[in-house]
Amino acid sequence: MKRVPDFPVPDHIALMIHDLRQSGLSANEIAERCHLSRTTLWRLAQGEARDPAYDSVRKVEQLHGKIVK
């Protein structure tokens, strides 16, 4: 079952990307590890992706779960 966050998905992703950046990863490293383009990652981080692909969200969530404890 797909998990739905308690707040809007763009905010949820932006917060996870912020956490990853705070952990020391660069935007390029995050994009590479998530197999996303830098442009897609930037749009997610800025909240500009209003309806992001589920797969993109999942990739960021998985990396966040591995890196941010």
N, C-alpha and C. Protein backbone atom coordinates (compact mmCIF):
# COMPACT_ATOMS: atom_id res chain seq x y z
N MET A 1 0.84 -1.17 0.00
CA MET A 1 0.00 0.00 0.00
C MET A 1 0.89 1.24 0.00
N LYS A 2 0.52 2.23 -0.79
CA LYS A 2 1.27 3.47 -0.85
C LYS A 2 1.00 4.29 0.40
N ARG A 3 2.09 4.77 1.01
CA ARG A 3 1.98 5.58 2.21
C ARG A 3 1.77 7.04 1.81
N VAL A 4 0.83 7.70 2.44
CA VAL A 4 0.55 9.10 2.17
C VAL A 4 1.02 9.91 3.36
N PRO A 5 1.92 10.89 3.15
CA PRO A 5 2.40 11.69 4.27
C PRO A 5 1.28 12.57 4.83
N ASP A 6 1.49 13.07 6.05
CA ASP A 6 0.51 13.92 6.71
C ASP A 6 0.49 15.33 6.16
N PHE A 7 1.44 15.66 5.30
CA PHE A 7 1.51 16.99 4.72
C PHE A 7 1.75 16.85 3.22
N PRO A 8 1.62 17.93 2.46
CA PRO A 8 1.73 17.83 1.00
C PRO A 8 3.03 17.16 0.55
N VAL A 9 2.91 16.32 -0.46
CA VAL A 9 4.06 15.57 -0.97
C VAL A 9 5.23 16.48 -1.35
N PRO A 10 5.04 17.59 -2.07
CA PRO A 10 6.19 18.43 -2.40
C PRO A 10 6.95 18.90 -1.15
N ASP A 11 6.24 19.25 -0.08
CA ASP A 11 6.90 19.67 1.15
C ASP A 11 7.64 18.50 1.78
N HIS A 12 7.05 17.33 1.75
CA HIS A 12 7.65 16.11 2.30
C HIS A 12 8.98 15.81 1.60
N ILE A 13 9.00 15.87 0.30
CA ILE A 13 10.22 15.58 -0.46
C ILE A 13 11.26 16.66 -0.21
N ALA A 14 10.84 17.92 -0.23
CA ALA A 14 11.77 19.03 -0.02
C ALA A 14 12.45 18.90 1.35
N LEU A 15 11.70 18.51 2.36
CA LEU A 15 12.28 18.33 3.70
C LEU A 15 13.28 17.17 3.72
N MET A 16 12.96 16.09 3.03
CA MET A 16 13.89 14.95 2.98
C MET A 16 15.18 15.35 2.25
N ILE A 17 15.06 16.08 1.16
CA ILE A 17 16.24 16.51 0.42
C ILE A 17 17.07 17.46 1.28
N HIS A 18 16.40 18.35 2.00
CA HIS A 18 17.10 19.26 2.92
C HIS A 18 17.89 18.45 3.96
N ASP A 19 17.26 17.43 4.54
CA ASP A 19 17.93 16.57 5.52
C ASP A 19 19.16 15.91 4.91
N LEU A 20 19.02 15.42 3.68
CA LEU A 20 20.14 14.77 3.01
C LEU A 20 21.28 15.75 2.77
N ARG A 21 20.93 16.97 2.39
CA ARG A 21 21.97 18.01 2.20
C ARG A 21 22.64 18.32 3.52
N GLN A 22 21.87 18.39 4.60
CA GLN A 22 22.43 18.67 5.92
C GLN A 22 23.35 17.54 6.40
N SER A 23 23.10 16.35 5.91
CA SER A 23 23.94 15.20 6.30
C SER A 23 25.28 15.20 5.57
N GLY A 24 25.45 16.13 4.63
CA GLY A 24 26.73 16.26 3.94
C GLY A 24 26.73 15.87 2.48
N LEU A 25 25.61 15.38 1.97
CA LEU A 25 25.54 15.02 0.55
C LEU A 25 25.30 16.26 -0.30
N SER A 26 25.95 16.32 -1.44
CA SER A 26 25.69 17.41 -2.38
C SER A 26 24.43 17.05 -3.19
N ALA A 27 23.89 18.05 -3.85
CA ALA A 27 22.72 17.81 -4.71
C ALA A 27 23.07 16.80 -5.80
N ASN A 28 24.27 16.90 -6.35
CA ASN A 28 24.69 15.96 -7.38
C ASN A 28 24.76 14.54 -6.85
N GLU A 29 25.28 14.37 -5.63
CA GLU A 29 25.36 13.04 -5.03
C GLU A 29 23.98 12.46 -4.79
N ILE A 30 23.07 13.29 -4.32
CA ILE A 30 21.70 12.83 -4.07
C ILE A 30 21.05 12.40 -5.37
N ALA A 31 21.17 13.23 -6.39
CA ALA A 31 20.58 12.90 -7.70
C ALA A 31 21.16 11.59 -8.23
N GLU A 32 22.47 11.44 -8.11
CA GLU A 32 23.12 10.23 -8.62
C GLU A 32 22.65 8.99 -7.86
N ARG A 33 22.62 9.08 -6.54
CA ARG A 33 22.22 7.92 -5.73
C ARG A 33 20.75 7.56 -5.92
N CYS A 34 19.93 8.56 -6.25
CA CYS A 34 18.50 8.31 -6.48
C CYS A 34 18.19 7.99 -7.93
N HIS A 35 19.20 8.08 -8.79
CA HIS A 35 19.00 7.86 -10.23
C HIS A 35 17.97 8.84 -10.79
N LEU A 36 18.13 10.10 -10.38
CA LEU A 36 17.29 11.19 -10.88
C LEU A 36 18.18 12.21 -11.56
N SER A 37 17.62 12.96 -12.48
CA SER A 37 18.40 14.05 -13.08
C SER A 37 18.55 15.16 -12.05
N ARG A 38 19.59 15.97 -12.21
CA ARG A 38 19.79 17.11 -11.29
C ARG A 38 18.62 18.08 -11.40
N THR A 39 18.07 18.22 -12.60
CA THR A 39 16.93 19.10 -12.80
C THR A 39 15.72 18.61 -12.02
N THR A 40 15.45 17.32 -12.09
CA THR A 40 14.32 16.75 -11.35
C THR A 40 14.52 16.93 -9.85
N LEU A 41 15.74 16.65 -9.38
CA LEU A 41 16.01 16.82 -7.95
C LEU A 41 15.82 18.27 -7.53
N TRP A 42 16.31 19.21 -8.34
CA TRP A 42 16.16 20.63 -8.02
C TRP A 42 14.68 21.00 -7.93
N ARG A 43 13.87 20.54 -8.90
CA ARG A 43 12.44 20.84 -8.89
C ARG A 43 11.77 20.25 -7.65
N LEU A 44 12.17 19.04 -7.26
CA LEU A 44 11.61 18.43 -6.05
C LEU A 44 12.01 19.24 -4.82
N ALA A 45 13.28 19.64 -4.75
CA ALA A 45 13.79 20.39 -3.59
C ALA A 45 13.14 21.76 -3.47
N GLN A 46 12.79 22.35 -4.60
CA GLN A 46 12.17 23.68 -4.58
C GLN A 46 10.65 23.61 -4.42
N GLY A 47 10.11 22.42 -4.43
CA GLY A 47 8.66 22.27 -4.32
C GLY A 47 7.93 22.58 -5.61
N GLU A 48 8.67 22.62 -6.71
CA GLU A 48 8.06 22.97 -8.00
C GLU A 48 7.39 21.77 -8.68
N ALA A 49 7.69 20.59 -8.20
CA ALA A 49 7.06 19.39 -8.77
C ALA A 49 5.77 19.14 -7.99
N ARG A 50 4.67 19.68 -8.46
CA ARG A 50 3.40 19.61 -7.73
C ARG A 50 2.81 18.21 -7.71
N ASP A 51 3.12 17.41 -8.71
CA ASP A 51 2.60 16.04 -8.77
C ASP A 51 3.73 15.11 -9.19
N PRO A 52 4.72 14.92 -8.30
CA PRO A 52 5.89 14.12 -8.69
C PRO A 52 5.56 12.65 -8.90
N ALA A 53 6.35 12.00 -9.72
CA ALA A 53 6.17 10.57 -9.96
C ALA A 53 6.40 9.80 -8.67
N TYR A 54 5.59 8.79 -8.44
CA TYR A 54 5.70 7.99 -7.23
C TYR A 54 7.10 7.39 -7.11
N ASP A 55 7.66 6.94 -8.22
CA ASP A 55 8.98 6.34 -8.23
C ASP A 55 10.05 7.33 -7.74
N SER A 56 9.95 8.58 -8.14
CA SER A 56 10.90 9.61 -7.69
C SER A 56 10.80 9.82 -6.19
N VAL A 57 9.59 9.89 -5.69
CA VAL A 57 9.36 10.07 -4.25
C VAL A 57 9.95 8.89 -3.50
N ARG A 58 9.69 7.70 -3.98
CA ARG A 58 10.16 6.48 -3.32
C ARG A 58 11.69 6.43 -3.25
N LYS A 59 12.35 6.84 -4.33
CA LYS A 59 13.81 6.83 -4.37
C LYS A 59 14.40 7.78 -3.32
N VAL A 60 13.81 8.96 -3.21
CA VAL A 60 14.30 9.92 -2.22
C VAL A 60 14.01 9.40 -0.81
N GLU A 61 12.83 8.83 -0.60
CA GLU A 61 12.50 8.26 0.71
C GLU A 61 13.47 7.15 1.10
N GLN A 62 13.81 6.28 0.16
CA GLN A 62 14.72 5.18 0.46
C GLN A 62 16.11 5.68 0.82
N LEU A 63 16.63 6.64 0.08
CA LEU A 63 17.94 7.20 0.39
C LEU A 63 17.90 7.90 1.75
N HIS A 64 16.85 8.65 1.99
CA HIS A 64 16.69 9.35 3.27
C HIS A 64 16.70 8.33 4.42
N GLY A 65 16.01 7.22 4.25
CA GLY A 65 15.97 6.20 5.28
C GLY A 65 17.33 5.57 5.56
N LYS A 66 18.18 5.50 4.54
CA LYS A 66 19.52 4.93 4.69
C LYS A 66 20.50 5.90 5.33
N ILE A 67 20.38 7.19 4.99
CA ILE A 67 21.37 8.18 5.39
C ILE A 67 21.00 8.92 6.67
N VAL A 68 19.77 9.34 6.78
CA VAL A 68 19.33 10.16 7.91
C VAL A 68 18.71 9.24 8.95
N LYS A 69 19.29 9.23 10.11
CA LYS A 69 18.79 8.34 11.17
C LYS A 69 17.95 9.10 12.16
